[in-house]
Amino acid sequence: MQRYYAIFHRGQTKDIPWWVSFPDVPGALTQGHSLDEALDMAADALSAILVCGRKGKDYGEPSTYDEVFAQAKEGERVFPIMPTEKAMAAYRPKKRIDIMMPGDKVDAIDLLVKGVKGLDRSKFITRAVDYYLAEKYPSAVPAE
């Protein structure tokens, strides 16, 4: 995945001490109550906009560090930000499908996911498909 450089600006108030912009990705703006939170939010914002995009806008090659640093004002910081597959997966559009499977398999899945926080039938089946694809068809699985 491509690395984009973000400019971390000092906020004007104590409520929002940091806000973040990406010169190469207009519309990817975020903020944070700490520099660490702003870094996390920057990766999330970049991932979201690269998945969802902007109508009619393709993003080209990112600028270099020196090019972005030249745009930063005194006191601002520039950090490299990379979108992550995990964050991008959360923003990918979902499709509802109907599948047929034996009832005892559905019951087994329901029993298994009942005891696992954050796991439901759809997530279980999606993970099973991911596992199968990675094992049988590794070229079909996007790299992290």
N, C-alpha and C. Protein backbone atom coordinates (compact mmCIF):
# COMPACT_ATOMS: atom_id res chain seq x y z
N MET A 1 0.84 -1.18 0.00
CA MET A 1 0.00 0.00 0.00
C MET A 1 0.88 1.24 0.00
N GLN A 2 0.32 2.29 -0.55
CA GLN A 2 1.09 3.52 -0.66
C GLN A 2 1.10 4.29 0.66
N ARG A 3 2.19 4.99 0.86
CA ARG A 3 2.35 5.84 2.03
C ARG A 3 2.04 7.27 1.63
N TYR A 4 1.22 7.92 2.42
CA TYR A 4 0.91 9.33 2.21
C TYR A 4 1.46 10.10 3.41
N TYR A 5 1.89 11.31 3.16
CA TYR A 5 2.37 12.15 4.25
C TYR A 5 1.26 13.10 4.67
N ALA A 6 1.10 13.20 5.98
CA ALA A 6 0.07 14.07 6.55
C ALA A 6 0.74 15.20 7.33
N ILE A 7 0.08 16.34 7.32
CA ILE A 7 0.56 17.47 8.12
C ILE A 7 -0.28 17.53 9.39
N PHE A 8 0.39 17.53 10.52
CA PHE A 8 -0.26 17.61 11.83
C PHE A 8 -0.14 19.04 12.32
N HIS A 9 -1.29 19.69 12.38
CA HIS A 9 -1.37 21.10 12.73
C HIS A 9 -1.74 21.23 14.21
N ARG A 10 -1.19 22.22 14.87
CA ARG A 10 -1.58 22.53 16.24
C ARG A 10 -2.96 23.17 16.22
N GLY A 11 -3.85 22.68 17.07
CA GLY A 11 -5.18 23.25 17.16
C GLY A 11 -5.16 24.59 17.87
N GLN A 12 -6.23 25.34 17.70
CA GLN A 12 -6.33 26.66 18.31
C GLN A 12 -6.88 26.62 19.74
N THR A 13 -7.44 25.46 20.13
CA THR A 13 -8.04 25.34 21.46
C THR A 13 -7.52 24.08 22.16
N LYS A 14 -7.75 24.02 23.48
CA LYS A 14 -7.37 22.83 24.23
C LYS A 14 -8.25 21.64 23.87
N ASP A 15 -9.48 21.92 23.39
CA ASP A 15 -10.40 20.83 23.06
C ASP A 15 -9.88 19.96 21.92
N ILE A 16 -9.29 20.58 20.95
CA ILE A 16 -8.75 19.86 19.79
C ILE A 16 -7.30 20.30 19.59
N PRO A 17 -6.35 19.65 20.28
CA PRO A 17 -4.97 20.10 20.17
C PRO A 17 -4.29 19.79 18.83
N TRP A 18 -4.79 18.76 18.11
CA TRP A 18 -4.18 18.41 16.83
C TRP A 18 -5.25 18.19 15.78
N TRP A 19 -5.01 18.69 14.60
CA TRP A 19 -5.83 18.33 13.45
C TRP A 19 -4.90 17.98 12.31
N VAL A 20 -5.40 17.15 11.41
CA VAL A 20 -4.56 16.52 10.41
C VAL A 20 -5.14 16.73 9.02
N SER A 21 -4.25 17.03 8.07
CA SER A 21 -4.67 17.14 6.67
C SER A 21 -3.67 16.38 5.80
N PHE A 22 -4.16 15.96 4.65
CA PHE A 22 -3.33 15.25 3.66
C PHE A 22 -3.31 16.09 2.40
N PRO A 23 -2.18 16.71 2.06
CA PRO A 23 -2.12 17.53 0.85
C PRO A 23 -2.51 16.76 -0.42
N ASP A 24 -2.21 15.46 -0.47
CA ASP A 24 -2.49 14.67 -1.67
C ASP A 24 -3.88 14.06 -1.69
N VAL A 25 -4.60 14.17 -0.57
CA VAL A 25 -5.92 13.55 -0.48
C VAL A 25 -6.91 14.56 0.09
N PRO A 26 -7.35 15.51 -0.74
CA PRO A 26 -8.31 16.50 -0.26
C PRO A 26 -9.56 15.80 0.28
N GLY A 27 -10.03 16.27 1.38
CA GLY A 27 -11.22 15.67 1.98
C GLY A 27 -10.88 14.71 3.10
N ALA A 28 -9.64 14.26 3.18
CA ALA A 28 -9.21 13.39 4.28
C ALA A 28 -8.71 14.29 5.39
N LEU A 29 -9.61 14.67 6.26
CA LEU A 29 -9.28 15.54 7.40
C LEU A 29 -9.71 14.85 8.67
N THR A 30 -8.95 15.04 9.73
CA THR A 30 -9.32 14.46 11.02
C THR A 30 -8.65 15.25 12.12
N GLN A 31 -8.84 14.78 13.34
CA GLN A 31 -8.29 15.49 14.49
C GLN A 31 -8.04 14.49 15.61
N GLY A 32 -7.36 14.96 16.65
CA GLY A 32 -7.11 14.10 17.80
C GLY A 32 -6.86 14.92 19.05
N HIS A 33 -7.20 14.32 20.18
CA HIS A 33 -6.98 14.99 21.47
C HIS A 33 -5.53 14.86 21.93
N SER A 34 -4.80 13.94 21.31
CA SER A 34 -3.37 13.78 21.56
C SER A 34 -2.72 13.48 20.22
N LEU A 35 -1.41 13.56 20.17
CA LEU A 35 -0.72 13.26 18.93
C LEU A 35 -0.91 11.78 18.57
N ASP A 36 -0.89 10.90 19.57
CA ASP A 36 -1.11 9.47 19.30
C ASP A 36 -2.51 9.23 18.72
N GLU A 37 -3.51 9.88 19.31
CA GLU A 37 -4.88 9.72 18.80
C GLU A 37 -4.98 10.29 17.38
N ALA A 38 -4.33 11.41 17.13
CA ALA A 38 -4.36 12.01 15.80
C ALA A 38 -3.71 11.08 14.76
N LEU A 39 -2.64 10.39 15.15
CA LEU A 39 -2.00 9.43 14.24
C LEU A 39 -2.96 8.29 13.91
N ASP A 40 -3.63 7.75 14.93
CA ASP A 40 -4.60 6.68 14.70
C ASP A 40 -5.75 7.15 13.82
N MET A 41 -6.26 8.33 14.11
CA MET A 41 -7.37 8.88 13.35
C MET A 41 -6.95 9.17 11.90
N ALA A 42 -5.69 9.56 11.70
CA ALA A 42 -5.20 9.83 10.35
C ALA A 42 -5.19 8.55 9.51
N ALA A 43 -4.74 7.45 10.09
CA ALA A 43 -4.75 6.18 9.35
C ALA A 43 -6.18 5.77 9.01
N ASP A 44 -7.10 5.97 9.95
CA ASP A 44 -8.50 5.63 9.71
C ASP A 44 -9.10 6.52 8.62
N ALA A 45 -8.86 7.82 8.69
CA ALA A 45 -9.41 8.75 7.69
C ALA A 45 -8.86 8.45 6.29
N LEU A 46 -7.57 8.18 6.21
CA LEU A 46 -6.96 7.87 4.92
C LEU A 46 -7.54 6.57 4.36
N SER A 47 -7.67 5.56 5.20
CA SER A 47 -8.24 4.28 4.76
C SER A 47 -9.66 4.47 4.24
N ALA A 48 -10.45 5.25 4.97
CA ALA A 48 -11.85 5.47 4.57
C ALA A 48 -11.94 6.16 3.22
N ILE A 49 -11.18 7.21 3.03
CA ILE A 49 -11.32 7.97 1.79
C ILE A 49 -10.75 7.20 0.59
N LEU A 50 -9.73 6.38 0.82
CA LEU A 50 -9.18 5.59 -0.28
C LEU A 50 -10.14 4.49 -0.71
N VAL A 51 -10.94 3.97 0.23
CA VAL A 51 -11.94 2.95 -0.12
C VAL A 51 -13.16 3.61 -0.74
N CYS A 52 -13.69 4.61 -0.06
CA CYS A 52 -14.93 5.25 -0.51
C CYS A 52 -14.70 6.21 -1.66
N GLY A 53 -13.54 6.85 -1.66
CA GLY A 53 -13.19 7.77 -2.73
C GLY A 53 -14.07 9.01 -2.76
N ARG A 54 -13.81 9.81 -3.73
CA ARG A 54 -14.63 10.98 -4.01
C ARG A 54 -15.07 10.86 -5.44
N LYS A 55 -16.30 11.19 -5.69
CA LYS A 55 -16.86 11.06 -7.04
C LYS A 55 -15.96 11.75 -8.07
N GLY A 56 -15.53 10.96 -9.05
CA GLY A 56 -14.73 11.53 -10.13
C GLY A 56 -13.30 11.84 -9.78
N LYS A 57 -12.82 11.39 -8.63
CA LYS A 57 -11.46 11.74 -8.20
C LYS A 57 -10.63 10.48 -7.99
N ASP A 58 -9.57 10.34 -8.74
CA ASP A 58 -8.60 9.30 -8.50
C ASP A 58 -7.38 9.96 -7.89
N TYR A 59 -6.78 9.29 -6.93
CA TYR A 59 -5.61 9.85 -6.28
C TYR A 59 -4.36 9.31 -6.96
N GLY A 60 -3.48 10.21 -7.33
CA GLY A 60 -2.25 9.83 -8.01
C GLY A 60 -1.18 9.41 -7.03
N GLU A 61 0.02 9.40 -7.52
CA GLU A 61 1.16 9.05 -6.68
C GLU A 61 1.30 10.08 -5.56
N PRO A 62 1.54 9.61 -4.34
CA PRO A 62 1.71 10.55 -3.23
C PRO A 62 2.98 11.39 -3.38
N SER A 63 2.93 12.58 -2.83
CA SER A 63 4.11 13.45 -2.82
C SER A 63 5.19 12.86 -1.92
N THR A 64 6.39 13.33 -2.10
CA THR A 64 7.49 12.89 -1.24
C THR A 64 7.43 13.63 0.09
N TYR A 65 8.20 13.15 1.04
CA TYR A 65 8.27 13.81 2.34
C TYR A 65 8.70 15.26 2.16
N ASP A 66 9.74 15.50 1.38
CA ASP A 66 10.26 16.86 1.21
C ASP A 66 9.21 17.80 0.61
N GLU A 67 8.41 17.28 -0.34
CA GLU A 67 7.36 18.11 -0.95
C GLU A 67 6.29 18.49 0.07
N VAL A 68 5.89 17.54 0.91
CA VAL A 68 4.87 17.83 1.91
C VAL A 68 5.45 18.69 3.01
N PHE A 69 6.68 18.40 3.43
CA PHE A 69 7.32 19.18 4.48
C PHE A 69 7.43 20.65 4.07
N ALA A 70 7.65 20.91 2.79
CA ALA A 70 7.76 22.28 2.29
C ALA A 70 6.43 23.03 2.45
N GLN A 71 5.31 22.31 2.52
CA GLN A 71 4.00 22.94 2.69
C GLN A 71 3.65 23.20 4.16
N ALA A 72 4.35 22.51 5.06
CA ALA A 72 4.06 22.65 6.49
C ALA A 72 4.58 23.98 7.00
N LYS A 73 3.82 24.55 7.93
CA LYS A 73 4.24 25.80 8.54
C LYS A 73 5.06 25.51 9.79
N GLU A 74 5.68 26.53 10.33
CA GLU A 74 6.50 26.37 11.53
C GLU A 74 5.66 25.78 12.67
N GLY A 75 6.21 24.78 13.34
CA GLY A 75 5.52 24.13 14.45
C GLY A 75 4.64 22.96 14.05
N GLU A 76 4.41 22.81 12.75
CA GLU A 76 3.61 21.67 12.28
C GLU A 76 4.53 20.49 12.05
N ARG A 77 3.95 19.32 12.14
CA ARG A 77 4.74 18.09 11.98
C ARG A 77 4.23 17.32 10.78
N VAL A 78 5.12 16.57 10.17
CA VAL A 78 4.77 15.73 9.02
C VAL A 78 5.12 14.29 9.36
N PHE A 79 4.13 13.41 9.22
CA PHE A 79 4.34 11.99 9.49
C PHE A 79 3.84 11.17 8.30
N PRO A 80 4.50 10.03 8.04
CA PRO A 80 3.99 9.12 7.02
C PRO A 80 2.80 8.34 7.57
N ILE A 81 1.77 8.20 6.76
CA ILE A 81 0.58 7.45 7.16
C ILE A 81 0.30 6.43 6.07
N MET A 82 0.05 5.20 6.49
CA MET A 82 -0.31 4.15 5.54
C MET A 82 -1.68 3.61 5.89
N PRO A 83 -2.54 3.46 4.89
CA PRO A 83 -3.82 2.81 5.16
C PRO A 83 -3.55 1.35 5.51
N THR A 84 -4.41 0.77 6.31
CA THR A 84 -4.25 -0.64 6.66
C THR A 84 -5.41 -1.43 6.08
N GLU A 85 -5.14 -2.68 5.77
CA GLU A 85 -6.19 -3.54 5.23
C GLU A 85 -7.32 -3.68 6.23
N LYS A 86 -6.99 -3.77 7.51
CA LYS A 86 -8.03 -3.91 8.54
C LYS A 86 -8.95 -2.69 8.56
N ALA A 87 -8.36 -1.51 8.53
CA ALA A 87 -9.18 -0.29 8.54
C ALA A 87 -9.97 -0.16 7.24
N MET A 88 -9.36 -0.51 6.12
CA MET A 88 -10.06 -0.38 4.84
C MET A 88 -11.22 -1.37 4.75
N ALA A 89 -11.06 -2.55 5.34
CA ALA A 89 -12.12 -3.56 5.31
C ALA A 89 -13.39 -3.04 5.96
N ALA A 90 -13.24 -2.23 7.00
CA ALA A 90 -14.40 -1.69 7.70
C ALA A 90 -15.22 -0.75 6.81
N TYR A 91 -14.58 -0.14 5.81
CA TYR A 91 -15.26 0.82 4.94
C TYR A 91 -15.71 0.23 3.61
N ARG A 92 -15.30 -0.99 3.31
CA ARG A 92 -15.71 -1.59 2.04
C ARG A 92 -17.21 -1.85 2.05
N PRO A 93 -17.87 -1.59 0.95
CA PRO A 93 -19.31 -1.86 0.88
C PRO A 93 -19.59 -3.34 1.11
N LYS A 94 -20.66 -3.61 1.80
CA LYS A 94 -21.08 -4.99 2.07
C LYS A 94 -22.21 -5.34 1.11
N LYS A 95 -22.32 -6.62 0.79
CA LYS A 95 -23.40 -7.10 -0.06
C LYS A 95 -24.15 -8.19 0.69
N ARG A 96 -25.45 -8.10 0.66
CA ARG A 96 -26.28 -9.14 1.26
C ARG A 96 -26.45 -10.24 0.23
N ILE A 97 -26.23 -11.48 0.68
CA ILE A 97 -26.43 -12.63 -0.20
C ILE A 97 -27.28 -13.66 0.54
N ASP A 98 -27.95 -14.47 -0.21
CA ASP A 98 -28.69 -15.59 0.35
C ASP A 98 -27.93 -16.86 0.00
N ILE A 99 -27.68 -17.68 0.99
CA ILE A 99 -27.01 -18.95 0.73
C ILE A 99 -27.83 -20.08 1.35
N MET A 100 -27.65 -21.24 0.81
CA MET A 100 -28.31 -22.43 1.35
C MET A 100 -27.23 -23.30 1.96
N MET A 101 -27.45 -23.74 3.20
CA MET A 101 -26.54 -24.67 3.84
C MET A 101 -27.34 -25.54 4.79
N PRO A 102 -26.84 -26.72 5.08
CA PRO A 102 -27.57 -27.61 5.98
C PRO A 102 -27.83 -26.96 7.33
N GLY A 103 -29.02 -27.19 7.86
CA GLY A 103 -29.43 -26.59 9.12
C GLY A 103 -28.51 -26.92 10.28
N ASP A 104 -27.96 -28.15 10.30
CA ASP A 104 -27.08 -28.50 11.41
C ASP A 104 -25.79 -27.69 11.37
N LYS A 105 -25.34 -27.29 10.18
CA LYS A 105 -24.15 -26.44 10.08
C LYS A 105 -24.45 -25.03 10.58
N VAL A 106 -25.63 -24.51 10.23
CA VAL A 106 -26.04 -23.20 10.73
C VAL A 106 -26.14 -23.23 12.25
N ASP A 107 -26.72 -24.30 12.80
CA ASP A 107 -26.84 -24.43 14.26
C ASP A 107 -25.46 -24.48 14.92
N ALA A 108 -24.52 -25.20 14.30
CA ALA A 108 -23.17 -25.28 14.85
C ALA A 108 -22.48 -23.92 14.84
N ILE A 109 -22.66 -23.18 13.76
CA ILE A 109 -22.07 -21.83 13.68
C ILE A 109 -22.68 -20.96 14.77
N ASP A 110 -24.00 -20.98 14.89
CA ASP A 110 -24.68 -20.16 15.90
C ASP A 110 -24.20 -20.50 17.30
N LEU A 111 -24.00 -21.76 17.60
CA LEU A 111 -23.52 -22.18 18.91
C LEU A 111 -22.11 -21.68 19.15
N LEU A 112 -21.27 -21.76 18.14
CA LEU A 112 -19.89 -21.32 18.26
C LEU A 112 -19.80 -19.80 18.48
N VAL A 113 -20.53 -19.02 17.67
CA VAL A 113 -20.40 -17.56 17.75
C VAL A 113 -21.08 -16.98 18.99
N LYS A 114 -21.99 -17.73 19.57
CA LYS A 114 -22.72 -17.24 20.75
C LYS A 114 -21.77 -16.89 21.89
N GLY A 115 -20.68 -17.65 22.01
CA GLY A 115 -19.75 -17.42 23.10
C GLY A 115 -18.56 -16.54 22.77
N VAL A 116 -18.54 -15.95 21.58
CA VAL A 116 -17.39 -15.14 21.17
C VAL A 116 -17.83 -13.70 20.95
N LYS A 117 -17.32 -12.81 21.78
CA LYS A 117 -17.68 -11.39 21.67
C LYS A 117 -17.21 -10.83 20.33
N GLY A 118 -18.09 -10.09 19.67
CA GLY A 118 -17.74 -9.44 18.41
C GLY A 118 -17.83 -10.34 17.19
N LEU A 119 -18.31 -11.57 17.38
CA LEU A 119 -18.42 -12.49 16.26
C LEU A 119 -19.88 -12.87 16.07
N ASP A 120 -20.34 -12.80 14.83
CA ASP A 120 -21.69 -13.24 14.50
C ASP A 120 -21.60 -14.18 13.31
N ARG A 121 -22.73 -14.66 12.87
CA ARG A 121 -22.77 -15.64 11.78
C ARG A 121 -22.09 -15.09 10.51
N SER A 122 -22.40 -13.87 10.14
CA SER A 122 -21.81 -13.29 8.92
C SER A 122 -20.30 -13.15 9.02
N LYS A 123 -19.81 -12.67 10.17
CA LYS A 123 -18.37 -12.52 10.34
C LYS A 123 -17.68 -13.88 10.33
N PHE A 124 -18.31 -14.88 10.94
CA PHE A 124 -17.73 -16.22 10.95
C PHE A 124 -17.59 -16.75 9.53
N ILE A 125 -18.65 -16.64 8.75
CA ILE A 125 -18.62 -17.15 7.38
C ILE A 125 -17.61 -16.37 6.53
N THR A 126 -17.55 -15.06 6.72
CA THR A 126 -16.58 -14.24 5.99
C THR A 126 -15.16 -14.67 6.32
N ARG A 127 -14.88 -14.89 7.62
CA ARG A 127 -13.54 -15.34 8.01
C ARG A 127 -13.22 -16.72 7.45
N ALA A 128 -14.21 -17.60 7.41
CA ALA A 128 -14.00 -18.94 6.84
C ALA A 128 -13.66 -18.84 5.36
N VAL A 129 -14.35 -17.96 4.65
CA VAL A 129 -14.07 -17.75 3.22
C VAL A 129 -12.66 -17.17 3.05
N ASP A 130 -12.31 -16.18 3.88
CA ASP A 130 -10.97 -15.60 3.81
C ASP A 130 -9.90 -16.67 4.03
N TYR A 131 -10.12 -17.53 5.03
CA TYR A 131 -9.17 -18.60 5.34
C TYR A 131 -9.03 -19.55 4.15
N TYR A 132 -10.14 -19.95 3.59
CA TYR A 132 -10.13 -20.87 2.45
C TYR A 132 -9.42 -20.24 1.24
N LEU A 133 -9.76 -18.99 0.94
CA LEU A 133 -9.14 -18.32 -0.19
C LEU A 133 -7.63 -18.17 0.00
N ALA A 134 -7.22 -17.81 1.22
CA ALA A 134 -5.79 -17.63 1.49
C ALA A 134 -5.04 -18.94 1.33
N GLU A 135 -5.67 -20.04 1.70
CA GLU A 135 -5.01 -21.34 1.60
C GLU A 135 -5.03 -21.89 0.17
N LYS A 136 -6.16 -21.81 -0.49
CA LYS A 136 -6.31 -22.43 -1.82
C LYS A 136 -5.98 -21.49 -2.98
N TYR A 137 -6.26 -20.20 -2.79
CA TYR A 137 -6.07 -19.22 -3.86
C TYR A 137 -5.40 -17.96 -3.32
N PRO A 138 -4.15 -18.05 -2.88
CA PRO A 138 -3.50 -16.91 -2.23
C PRO A 138 -3.44 -15.64 -3.09
N SER A 139 -3.42 -15.79 -4.40
CA SER A 139 -3.36 -14.60 -5.26
C SER A 139 -4.67 -13.82 -5.26
N ALA A 140 -5.75 -14.42 -4.77
CA ALA A 140 -7.06 -13.76 -4.73
C ALA A 140 -7.21 -12.91 -3.48
N VAL A 141 -6.30 -13.05 -2.51
CA VAL A 141 -6.41 -12.35 -1.24
C VAL A 141 -5.52 -11.10 -1.29
N PRO A 142 -6.12 -9.91 -0.99
CA PRO A 142 -5.30 -8.69 -1.01
C PRO A 142 -4.20 -8.74 0.04
N ALA A 143 -3.03 -8.21 -0.29
CA ALA A 143 -1.91 -8.15 0.66
C ALA A 143 -2.19 -7.10 1.70
N GLU A 144 -1.71 -7.32 2.91
CA GLU A 144 -1.90 -6.33 4.00
C GLU A 144 -0.91 -5.21 3.85
